[in-house]
Amino acid sequence: MTALFHDPPPEGFSRRVVRAAPGREVRLVHAHGAIVVVEQGELEVECRAGACRRFGRGAMLPIARLGVAHLRSVGSRPLVLVAVARAGDEFPRAAGSHPDD
């Protein structure tokens, strides 16, 4: 599975790297079927129901299925996320986000 997040994505998939300074909210459109891996830092996920949970390096999340209200970079290090989705599912072109394929 790590090859999906580190090597060039296989045909039919796209990948995006998102970076955020500590304390910043992460803008990531919930592309259908997207999976996110925390490469560095700590990610706080707040669900629409109000529950919050933190995830560190190596955490793999099916972000599109979590009912997310907010994603935040927390902790002392910048957050680096790698998101993979099927080609055609659009990732945002927000600041700190770039394609990686």
PDB file of N, CA and C in Angstrom:
ATOM      1  N   MET A   1       0.819  -1.186   0.000  1.00  0.00           N
ATOM      2  CA  MET A   1       0.000   0.000   0.000  1.00  0.00           C
ATOM      3  C   MET A   1       0.867   1.255   0.000  1.00  0.00           C
ATOM      4  N   THR A   2       2.057   1.228   0.597  1.00  0.00           N
ATOM      5  CA  THR A   2       2.877   2.438   0.649  1.00  0.00           C
ATOM      6  C   THR A   2       3.307   2.891  -0.738  1.00  0.00           C
ATOM      7  N   ALA A   3       3.417   1.979  -1.699  1.00  0.00           N
ATOM      8  CA  ALA A   3       3.784   2.369  -3.060  1.00  0.00           C
ATOM      9  C   ALA A   3       2.748   3.324  -3.648  1.00  0.00           C
ATOM     10  N   LEU A   4       1.500   3.173  -3.281  1.00  0.00           N
ATOM     11  CA  LEU A   4       0.438   4.047  -3.765  1.00  0.00           C
ATOM     12  C   LEU A   4       0.664   5.492  -3.319  1.00  0.00           C
ATOM     13  N   PHE A   5       1.322   5.671  -2.186  1.00  0.00           N
ATOM     14  CA  PHE A   5       1.528   7.005  -1.632  1.00  0.00           C
ATOM     15  C   PHE A   5       2.927   7.559  -1.895  1.00  0.00           C
ATOM     16  N   HIS A   6       3.870   6.733  -2.354  1.00  0.00           N
ATOM     17  CA  HIS A   6       5.240   7.199  -2.551  1.00  0.00           C
ATOM     18  C   HIS A   6       5.703   7.100  -4.001  1.00  0.00           C
ATOM     19  N   ASP A   7       5.382   6.028  -4.679  1.00  0.00           N
ATOM     20  CA  ASP A   7       5.768   5.856  -6.081  1.00  0.00           C
ATOM     21  C   ASP A   7       4.770   6.616  -6.947  1.00  0.00           C
ATOM     22  N   PRO A   8       5.065   6.779  -8.230  1.00  0.00           N
ATOM     23  CA  PRO A   8       4.052   7.397  -9.098  1.00  0.00           C
ATOM     24  C   PRO A   8       2.745   6.610  -8.985  1.00  0.00           C
ATOM     25  N   PRO A   9       1.613   7.320  -8.935  1.00  0.00           N
ATOM     26  CA  PRO A   9       0.350   6.600  -8.769  1.00  0.00           C
ATOM     27  C   PRO A   9       0.054   5.729  -9.981  1.00  0.00           C
ATOM     28  N   PRO A  10      -0.598   4.600  -9.769  1.00  0.00           N
ATOM     29  CA  PRO A  10      -0.956   3.737 -10.896  1.00  0.00           C
ATOM     30  C   PRO A  10      -1.971   4.431 -11.797  1.00  0.00           C
ATOM     31  N   GLU A  11      -2.063   3.945 -13.006  1.00  0.00           N
ATOM     32  CA  GLU A  11      -3.036   4.500 -13.945  1.00  0.00           C
ATOM     33  C   GLU A  11      -4.428   4.448 -13.311  1.00  0.00           C
ATOM     34  N   GLY A  12      -5.155   5.535 -13.468  1.00  0.00           N
ATOM     35  CA  GLY A  12      -6.496   5.600 -12.914  1.00  0.00           C
ATOM     36  C   GLY A  12      -6.577   6.258 -11.552  1.00  0.00           C
ATOM     37  N   PHE A  13      -5.423   6.683 -10.996  1.00  0.00           N
ATOM     38  CA  PHE A  13      -5.389   7.343  -9.694  1.00  0.00           C
ATOM     39  C   PHE A  13      -4.662   8.672  -9.800  1.00  0.00           C
ATOM     40  N   SER A  14      -4.995   9.601  -8.910  1.00  0.00           N
ATOM     41  CA  SER A  14      -4.256  10.856  -8.802  1.00  0.00           C
ATOM     42  C   SER A  14      -3.847  11.035  -7.346  1.00  0.00           C
ATOM     43  N   ARG A  15      -2.799  11.809  -7.166  1.00  0.00           N
ATOM     44  CA  ARG A  15      -2.269  12.025  -5.818  1.00  0.00           C
ATOM     45  C   ARG A  15      -2.037  13.511  -5.622  1.00  0.00           C
ATOM     46  N   ARG A  16      -2.262  13.974  -4.402  1.00  0.00           N
ATOM     47  CA  ARG A  16      -2.025  15.372  -4.050  1.00  0.00           C
ATOM     48  C   ARG A  16      -1.331  15.410  -2.697  1.00  0.00           C
ATOM     49  N   VAL A  17      -0.341  16.295  -2.573  1.00  0.00           N
ATOM     50  CA  VAL A  17       0.355  16.521  -1.315  1.00  0.00           C
ATOM     51  C   VAL A  17      -0.154  17.840  -0.747  1.00  0.00           C
ATOM     52  N   VAL A  18      -0.516  17.829   0.529  1.00  0.00           N
ATOM     53  CA  VAL A  18      -1.037  19.022   1.203  1.00  0.00           C
ATOM     54  C   VAL A  18      -0.139  19.325   2.392  1.00  0.00           C
ATOM     55  N   ARG A  19       0.311  20.581   2.481  1.00  0.00           N
ATOM     56  CA  ARG A  19       1.155  21.019   3.599  1.00  0.00           C
ATOM     57  C   ARG A  19       0.450  22.139   4.345  1.00  0.00           C
ATOM     58  N   ALA A  20       0.554  22.111   5.683  1.00  0.00           N
ATOM     59  CA  ALA A  20      -0.064  23.162   6.495  1.00  0.00           C
ATOM     60  C   ALA A  20       0.792  23.419   7.724  1.00  0.00           C
ATOM     61  N   ALA A  21       0.977  24.681   8.042  1.00  0.00           N
ATOM     62  CA  ALA A  21       1.713  25.070   9.242  1.00  0.00           C
ATOM     63  C   ALA A  21       0.885  24.716  10.482  1.00  0.00           C
ATOM     64  N   PRO A  22       1.541  24.521  11.621  1.00  0.00           N
ATOM     65  CA  PRO A  22       0.807  24.237  12.857  1.00  0.00           C
ATOM     66  C   PRO A  22      -0.247  25.318  13.119  1.00  0.00           C
ATOM     67  N   GLY A  23      -1.429  24.874  13.541  1.00  0.00           N
ATOM     68  CA  GLY A  23      -2.514  25.791  13.851  1.00  0.00           C
ATOM     69  C   GLY A  23      -3.397  26.159  12.669  1.00  0.00           C
ATOM     70  N   ARG A  24      -3.021  25.759  11.469  1.00  0.00           N
ATOM     71  CA  ARG A  24      -3.795  26.112  10.276  1.00  0.00           C
ATOM     72  C   ARG A  24      -4.833  25.049   9.959  1.00  0.00           C
ATOM     73  N   GLU A  25      -5.944  25.502   9.403  1.00  0.00           N
ATOM     74  CA  GLU A  25      -6.972  24.575   8.928  1.00  0.00           C
ATOM     75  C   GLU A  25      -6.543  24.062   7.555  1.00  0.00           C
ATOM     76  N   VAL A  26      -6.839  22.813   7.290  1.00  0.00           N
ATOM     77  CA  VAL A  26      -6.506  22.183   6.016  1.00  0.00           C
ATOM     78  C   VAL A  26      -7.759  22.169   5.161  1.00  0.00           C
ATOM     79  N   ARG A  27      -7.640  22.687   3.954  1.00  0.00           N
ATOM     80  CA  ARG A  27      -8.773  22.672   3.024  1.00  0.00           C
ATOM     81  C   ARG A  27      -8.554  21.523   2.057  1.00  0.00           C
ATOM     82  N   LEU A  28      -9.372  20.517   2.212  1.00  0.00           N
ATOM     83  CA  LEU A  28      -9.277  19.342   1.352  1.00  0.00           C
ATOM     84  C   LEU A  28     -10.684  18.913   1.006  1.00  0.00           C
ATOM     85  N   VAL A  29     -11.066  19.114  -0.249  1.00  0.00           N
ATOM     86  CA  VAL A  29     -12.387  18.672  -0.676  1.00  0.00           C
ATOM     87  C   VAL A  29     -12.419  17.157  -0.543  1.00  0.00           C
ATOM     88  N   HIS A  30     -13.510  16.662  -0.035  1.00  0.00           N
ATOM     89  CA  HIS A  30     -13.620  15.233   0.229  1.00  0.00           C
ATOM     90  C   HIS A  30     -13.945  14.482  -1.050  1.00  0.00           C
ATOM     91  N   ALA A  31     -12.938  14.303  -1.864  1.00  0.00           N
ATOM     92  CA  ALA A  31     -13.105  13.564  -3.115  1.00  0.00           C
ATOM     93  C   ALA A  31     -13.634  12.172  -2.790  1.00  0.00           C
ATOM     94  N   HIS A  32     -14.598  11.741  -3.553  1.00  0.00           N
ATOM     95  CA  HIS A  32     -15.214  10.438  -3.321  1.00  0.00           C
ATOM     96  C   HIS A  32     -14.139   9.350  -3.328  1.00  0.00           C
ATOM     97  N   GLY A  33     -14.055   8.615  -2.255  1.00  0.00           N
ATOM     98  CA  GLY A  33     -13.121   7.510  -2.184  1.00  0.00           C
ATOM     99  C   GLY A  33     -11.699   7.884  -1.821  1.00  0.00           C
ATOM    100  N   ALA A  34     -11.420   9.158  -1.501  1.00  0.00           N
ATOM    101  CA  ALA A  34     -10.048   9.572  -1.189  1.00  0.00           C
ATOM    102  C   ALA A  34      -9.549   8.926   0.096  1.00  0.00           C
ATOM    103  N   ILE A  35      -8.271   8.578   0.092  1.00  0.00           N
ATOM    104  CA  ILE A  35      -7.581   8.062   1.272  1.00  0.00           C
ATOM    105  C   ILE A  35      -6.437   9.022   1.547  1.00  0.00           C
ATOM    106  N   VAL A  36      -6.261   9.389   2.823  1.00  0.00           N
ATOM    107  CA  VAL A  36      -5.232  10.340   3.219  1.00  0.00           C
ATOM    108  C   VAL A  36      -4.270   9.656   4.180  1.00  0.00           C
ATOM    109  N   VAL A  37      -2.968   9.887   3.975  1.00  0.00           N
ATOM    110  CA  VAL A  37      -1.937   9.388   4.879  1.00  0.00           C
ATOM    111  C   VAL A  37      -1.226  10.583   5.499  1.00  0.00           C
ATOM    112  N   VAL A  38      -1.041  10.549   6.817  1.00  0.00           N
ATOM    113  CA  VAL A  38      -0.283  11.583   7.508  1.00  0.00           C
ATOM    114  C   VAL A  38       1.197  11.239   7.356  1.00  0.00           C
ATOM    115  N   GLU A  39       1.905  12.034   6.580  1.00  0.00           N
ATOM    116  CA  GLU A  39       3.343  11.811   6.352  1.00  0.00           C
ATOM    117  C   GLU A  39       4.184  12.453   7.446  1.00  0.00           C
ATOM    118  N   GLN A  40       3.725  13.603   7.952  1.00  0.00           N
ATOM    119  CA  GLN A  40       4.482  14.347   8.960  1.00  0.00           C
ATOM    120  C   GLN A  40       3.510  15.187   9.766  1.00  0.00           C
ATOM    121  N   GLY A  41       3.829  15.437  11.006  1.00  0.00           N
ATOM    122  CA  GLY A  41       2.998  16.290  11.839  1.00  0.00           C
ATOM    123  C   GLY A  41       1.833  15.539  12.453  1.00  0.00           C
ATOM    124  N   GLU A  42       0.835  16.327  12.843  1.00  0.00           N
ATOM    125  CA  GLU A  42      -0.333  15.749  13.496  1.00  0.00           C
ATOM    126  C   GLU A  42      -1.590  16.395  12.921  1.00  0.00           C
ATOM    127  N   LEU A  43      -2.561  15.563  12.590  1.00  0.00           N
ATOM    128  CA  LEU A  43      -3.822  15.996  11.997  1.00  0.00           C
ATOM    129  C   LEU A  43      -4.939  15.839  13.015  1.00  0.00           C
ATOM    130  N   GLU A  44      -5.717  16.915  13.202  1.00  0.00           N
ATOM    131  CA  GLU A  44      -6.914  16.832  14.033  1.00  0.00           C
ATOM    132  C   GLU A  44      -8.115  16.809  13.102  1.00  0.00           C
ATOM    133  N   VAL A  45      -8.973  15.813  13.291  1.00  0.00           N
ATOM    134  CA  VAL A  45     -10.191  15.672  12.502  1.00  0.00           C
ATOM    135  C   VAL A  45     -11.367  15.958  13.420  1.00  0.00           C
ATOM    136  N   GLU A  46     -12.195  16.942  13.023  1.00  0.00           N
ATOM    137  CA  GLU A  46     -13.421  17.237  13.752  1.00  0.00           C
ATOM    138  C   GLU A  46     -14.593  16.827  12.868  1.00  0.00           C
ATOM    139  N   CYS A  47     -15.403  15.921  13.358  1.00  0.00           N
ATOM    140  CA  CYS A  47     -16.566  15.446  12.598  1.00  0.00           C
ATOM    141  C   CYS A  47     -17.742  16.395  12.788  1.00  0.00           C
ATOM    142  N   ARG A  48     -18.693  16.320  11.874  1.00  0.00           N
ATOM    143  CA  ARG A  48     -19.882  17.175  11.952  1.00  0.00           C
ATOM    144  C   ARG A  48     -20.657  16.965  13.244  1.00  0.00           C
ATOM    145  N   ALA A  49     -20.567  15.791  13.829  1.00  0.00           N
ATOM    146  CA  ALA A  49     -21.253  15.500  15.092  1.00  0.00           C
ATOM    147  C   ALA A  49     -20.546  16.142  16.286  1.00  0.00           C
ATOM    148  N   GLY A  50     -19.330  16.711  16.052  1.00  0.00           N
ATOM    149  CA  GLY A  50     -18.615  17.417  17.110  1.00  0.00           C
ATOM    150  C   GLY A  50     -17.438  16.672  17.711  1.00  0.00           C
ATOM    151  N   ALA A  51     -17.306  15.389  17.458  1.00  0.00           N
ATOM    152  CA  ALA A  51     -16.182  14.617  18.005  1.00  0.00           C
ATOM    153  C   ALA A  51     -14.885  15.016  17.308  1.00  0.00           C
ATOM    154  N   CYS A  52     -13.786  15.053  18.093  1.00  0.00           N
ATOM    155  CA  CYS A  52     -12.455  15.361  17.547  1.00  0.00           C
ATOM    156  C   CYS A  52     -11.509  14.212  17.868  1.00  0.00           C
ATOM    157  N   ARG A  53     -10.595  13.981  16.942  1.00  0.00           N
ATOM    158  CA  ARG A  53      -9.568  12.960  17.171  1.00  0.00           C
ATOM    159  C   ARG A  53      -8.301  13.382  16.453  1.00  0.00           C
ATOM    160  N   ARG A  54      -7.158  13.053  17.020  1.00  0.00           N
ATOM    161  CA  ARG A  54      -5.866  13.396  16.428  1.00  0.00           C
ATOM    162  C   ARG A  54      -5.200  12.155  15.857  1.00  0.00           C
ATOM    163  N   PHE A  55      -4.489  12.374  14.740  1.00  0.00           N
ATOM    164  CA  PHE A  55      -3.790  11.293  14.053  1.00  0.00           C
ATOM    165  C   PHE A  55      -2.378  11.747  13.739  1.00  0.00           C
ATOM    166  N   GLY A  56      -1.407  10.871  13.993  1.00  0.00           N
ATOM    167  CA  GLY A  56      -0.012  11.176  13.740  1.00  0.00           C
ATOM    168  C   GLY A  56       0.531  10.455  12.530  1.00  0.00           C
ATOM    169  N   ARG A  57       1.831  10.574  12.352  1.00  0.00           N
ATOM    170  CA  ARG A  57       2.547   9.990  11.224  1.00  0.00           C
ATOM    171  C   ARG A  57       2.155   8.526  11.016  1.00  0.00           C
ATOM    172  N   GLY A  58       1.857   8.207   9.762  1.00  0.00           N
ATOM    173  CA  GLY A  58       1.517   6.839   9.397  1.00  0.00           C
ATOM    174  C   GLY A  58       0.034   6.537   9.419  1.00  0.00           C
ATOM    175  N   ALA A  59      -0.768   7.421  10.014  1.00  0.00           N
ATOM    176  CA  ALA A  59      -2.215   7.184  10.046  1.00  0.00           C
ATOM    177  C   ALA A  59      -2.773   7.251   8.630  1.00  0.00           C
ATOM    178  N   MET A  60      -3.659   6.322   8.316  1.00  0.00           N
ATOM    179  CA  MET A  60      -4.293   6.242   7.001  1.00  0.00           C
ATOM    180  C   MET A  60      -5.801   6.366   7.211  1.00  0.00           C
ATOM    181  N   LEU A  61      -6.410   7.393   6.584  1.00  0.00           N
ATOM    182  CA  LEU A  61      -7.812   7.702   6.839  1.00  0.00           C
ATOM    183  C   LEU A  61      -8.631   7.726   5.559  1.00  0.00           C
ATOM    184  N   PRO A  62      -9.797   7.088   5.559  1.00  0.00           N
ATOM    185  CA  PRO A  62     -10.719   7.197   4.416  1.00  0.00           C
ATOM    186  C   PRO A  62     -11.523   8.493   4.585  1.00  0.00           C
ATOM    187  N   ILE A  63     -10.885   9.608   4.375  1.00  0.00           N
ATOM    188  CA  ILE A  63     -11.400  10.927   4.719  1.00  0.00           C
ATOM    189  C   ILE A  63     -12.773  11.219   4.128  1.00  0.00           C
ATOM    190  N   ALA A  64     -13.057  10.697   2.968  1.00  0.00           N
ATOM    191  CA  ALA A  64     -14.337  10.969   2.312  1.00  0.00           C
ATOM    192  C   ALA A  64     -15.515  10.359   3.061  1.00  0.00           C
ATOM    193  N   ARG A  65     -15.277   9.401   3.920  1.00  0.00           N
ATOM    194  CA  ARG A  65     -16.356   8.686   4.606  1.00  0.00           C
ATOM    195  C   ARG A  65     -16.522   9.095   6.073  1.00  0.00           C
ATOM    196  N   LEU A  66     -15.789  10.111   6.523  1.00  0.00           N
ATOM    197  CA  LEU A  66     -15.798  10.430   7.947  1.00  0.00           C
ATOM    198  C   LEU A  66     -16.780  11.513   8.367  1.00  0.00           C
ATOM    199  N   GLY A  67     -17.457  12.165   7.461  1.00  0.00           N
ATOM    200  CA  GLY A  67     -18.354  13.249   7.848  1.00  0.00           C
ATOM    201  C   GLY A  67     -17.596  14.391   8.494  1.00  0.00           C
ATOM    202  N   VAL A  68     -16.530  14.820   7.863  1.00  0.00           N
ATOM    203  CA  VAL A  68     -15.610  15.796   8.423  1.00  0.00           C
ATOM    204  C   VAL A  68     -16.160  17.218   8.337  1.00  0.00           C
ATOM    205  N   ALA A  69     -16.056  17.940   9.458  1.00  0.00           N
ATOM    206  CA  ALA A  69     -16.397  19.358   9.492  1.00  0.00           C
ATOM    207  C   ALA A  69     -15.133  20.198   9.318  1.00  0.00           C
ATOM    208  N   HIS A  70     -14.031  19.801  10.004  1.00  0.00           N
ATOM    209  CA  HIS A  70     -12.770  20.548   9.947  1.00  0.00           C
ATOM    210  C   HIS A  70     -11.589  19.598  10.017  1.00  0.00           C
ATOM    211  N   LEU A  71     -10.528  19.957   9.310  1.00  0.00           N
ATOM    212  CA  LEU A  71      -9.228  19.290   9.393  1.00  0.00           C
ATOM    213  C   LEU A  71      -8.235  20.365   9.812  1.00  0.00           C
ATOM    214  N   ARG A  72      -7.410  20.074  10.827  1.00  0.00           N
ATOM    215  CA  ARG A  72      -6.458  21.072  11.314  1.00  0.00           C
ATOM    216  C   ARG A  72      -5.082  20.460  11.517  1.00  0.00           C
ATOM    217  N   SER A  73      -4.066  21.278  11.271  1.00  0.00           N
ATOM    218  CA  SER A  73      -2.701  20.926  11.609  1.00  0.00           C
ATOM    219  C   SER A  73      -2.495  21.315  13.061  1.00  0.00           C
ATOM    220  N   VAL A  74      -2.159  20.341  13.894  1.00  0.00           N
ATOM    221  CA  VAL A  74      -1.932  20.606  15.318  1.00  0.00           C
ATOM    222  C   VAL A  74      -0.557  20.089  15.698  1.00  0.00           C
ATOM    223  N   GLY A  75      -0.058  20.479  16.820  1.00  0.00           N
ATOM    224  CA  GLY A  75       1.266  20.047  17.240  1.00  0.00           C
ATOM    225  C   GLY A  75       2.306  21.087  16.867  1.00  0.00           C
ATOM    226  N   SER A  76       3.567  20.720  16.992  1.00  0.00           N
ATOM    227  CA  SER A  76       4.656  21.677  16.795  1.00  0.00           C
ATOM    228  C   SER A  76       5.297  21.619  15.407  1.00  0.00           C
ATOM    229  N   ARG A  77       5.020  20.594  14.645  1.00  0.00           N
ATOM    230  CA  ARG A  77       5.632  20.442  13.313  1.00  0.00           C
ATOM    231  C   ARG A  77       4.601  20.709  12.226  1.00  0.00           C
ATOM    232  N   PRO A  78       5.055  21.159  11.046  1.00  0.00           N
ATOM    233  CA  PRO A  78       4.117  21.306   9.926  1.00  0.00           C
ATOM    234  C   PRO A  78       3.499  19.957   9.567  1.00  0.00           C
ATOM    235  N   LEU A  79       2.280  20.005   9.084  1.00  0.00           N
ATOM    236  CA  LEU A  79       1.553  18.815   8.673  1.00  0.00           C
ATOM    237  C   LEU A  79       1.782  18.571   7.187  1.00  0.00           C
ATOM    238  N   VAL A  80       2.060  17.327   6.835  1.00  0.00           N
ATOM    239  CA  VAL A  80       2.150  16.930   5.431  1.00  0.00           C
ATOM    240  C   VAL A  80       1.231  15.736   5.252  1.00  0.00           C
ATOM    241  N   LEU A  81       0.235  15.899   4.359  1.00  0.00           N
ATOM    242  CA  LEU A  81      -0.700  14.837   4.030  1.00  0.00           C
ATOM    243  C   LEU A  81      -0.483  14.416   2.584  1.00  0.00           C
ATOM    244  N   VAL A  82      -0.650  13.137   2.308  1.00  0.00           N
ATOM    245  CA  VAL A  82      -0.662  12.642   0.938  1.00  0.00           C
ATOM    246  C   VAL A  82      -2.041  12.030   0.722  1.00  0.00           C
ATOM    247  N   ALA A  83      -2.767  12.588  -0.252  1.00  0.00           N
ATOM    248  CA  ALA A  83      -4.124  12.120  -0.547  1.00  0.00           C
ATOM    249  C   ALA A  83      -4.129  11.437  -1.905  1.00  0.00           C
ATOM    250  N   VAL A  84      -4.782  10.288  -1.971  1.00  0.00           N
ATOM    251  CA  VAL A  84      -4.896   9.528  -3.220  1.00  0.00           C
ATOM    252  C   VAL A  84      -6.367   9.273  -3.488  1.00  0.00           C
ATOM    253  N   ALA A  85      -6.767   9.483  -4.742  1.00  0.00           N
ATOM    254  CA  ALA A  85      -8.154   9.236  -5.153  1.00  0.00           C
ATOM    255  C   ALA A  85      -8.144   8.720  -6.582  1.00  0.00           C
ATOM    256  N   ARG A  86      -9.273   8.206  -6.999  1.00  0.00           N
ATOM    257  CA  ARG A  86      -9.414   7.783  -8.393  1.00  0.00           C
ATOM    258  C   ARG A  86      -9.281   9.004  -9.286  1.00  0.00           C
ATOM    259  N   ALA A  87      -8.672   8.842 -10.432  1.00  0.00           N
ATOM    260  CA  ALA A  87      -8.560   9.930 -11.394  1.00  0.00           C
ATOM    261  C   ALA A  87      -9.955  10.435 -11.713  1.00  0.00           C
ATOM    262  N   GLY A  88     -10.089  11.731 -11.827  1.00  0.00           N
ATOM    263  CA  GLY A  88     -11.395  12.334 -12.091  1.00  0.00           C
ATOM    264  C   GLY A  88     -12.028  12.891 -10.842  1.00  0.00           C
ATOM    265  N   ASP A  89     -11.688  12.358  -9.661  1.00  0.00           N
ATOM    266  CA  ASP A  89     -12.132  12.955  -8.405  1.00  0.00           C
ATOM    267  C   ASP A  89     -11.214  14.142  -8.165  1.00  0.00           C
ATOM    268  N   GLU A  90     -11.771  15.321  -8.065  1.00  0.00           N
ATOM    269  CA  GLU A  90     -10.969  16.530  -8.009  1.00  0.00           C
ATOM    270  C   GLU A  90     -10.517  16.876  -6.602  1.00  0.00           C
ATOM    271  N   PHE A  91      -9.250  17.220  -6.477  1.00  0.00           N
ATOM    272  CA  PHE A  91      -8.701  17.780  -5.257  1.00  0.00           C
ATOM    273  C   PHE A  91      -8.676  19.292  -5.425  1.00  0.00           C
ATOM    274  N   PRO A  92      -8.752  20.056  -4.345  1.00  0.00           N
ATOM    275  CA  PRO A  92      -8.733  21.504  -4.464  1.00  0.00           C
ATOM    276  C   PRO A  92      -7.352  22.008  -4.841  1.00  0.00           C
ATOM    277  N   ARG A  93      -7.305  23.177  -5.396  1.00  0.00           N
ATOM    278  CA  ARG A  93      -6.033  23.814  -5.702  1.00  0.00           C
ATOM    279  C   ARG A  93      -5.764  24.902  -4.672  1.00  0.00           C
ATOM    280  N   ALA A  94      -6.002  24.581  -3.409  1.00  0.00           N
ATOM    281  CA  ALA A  94      -5.815  25.534  -2.317  1.00  0.00           C
ATOM    282  C   ALA A  94      -4.332  25.738  -2.032  1.00  0.00           C
ATOM    283  N   ALA A  95      -4.026  26.822  -1.347  1.00  0.00           N
ATOM    284  CA  ALA A  95      -2.645  27.097  -0.946  1.00  0.00           C
ATOM    285  C   ALA A  95      -2.104  25.919  -0.145  1.00  0.00           C
ATOM    286  N   GLY A  96      -0.879  25.542  -0.393  1.00  0.00           N
ATOM    287  CA  GLY A  96      -0.251  24.442   0.312  1.00  0.00           C
ATOM    288  C   GLY A  96      -0.535  23.089  -0.285  1.00  0.00           C
ATOM    289  N   SER A  97      -1.269  23.048  -1.377  1.00  0.00           N
ATOM    290  CA  SER A  97      -1.647  21.791  -2.005  1.00  0.00           C
ATOM    291  C   SER A  97      -1.108  21.766  -3.423  1.00  0.00           C
ATOM    292  N   HIS A  98      -0.540  20.639  -3.826  1.00  0.00           N
ATOM    293  CA  HIS A  98      -0.049  20.517  -5.193  1.00  0.00           C
ATOM    294  C   HIS A  98      -0.164  19.083  -5.682  1.00  0.00           C
ATOM    295  N   PRO A  99      -0.356  18.914  -6.994  1.00  0.00           N
ATOM    296  CA  PRO A  99      -0.409  17.557  -7.524  1.00  0.00           C
ATOM    297  C   PRO A  99       0.961  16.914  -7.422  1.00  0.00           C
ATOM    298  N   ASP A 100       0.971  15.612  -7.317  1.00  0.00           N
ATOM    299  CA  ASP A 100       2.243  14.902  -7.177  1.00  0.00           C
ATOM    300  C   ASP A 100       2.272  13.686  -8.082  1.00  0.00           C
ATOM    301  N   ASP A 101       1.837  13.848  -9.342  1.00  0.00           N
ATOM    302  CA  ASP A 101       1.858  12.712 -10.245  1.00  0.00           C
ATOM    303  C   ASP A 101       2.520  13.016 -11.538  1.00  0.00           C
TER     304      ASP A 101
END
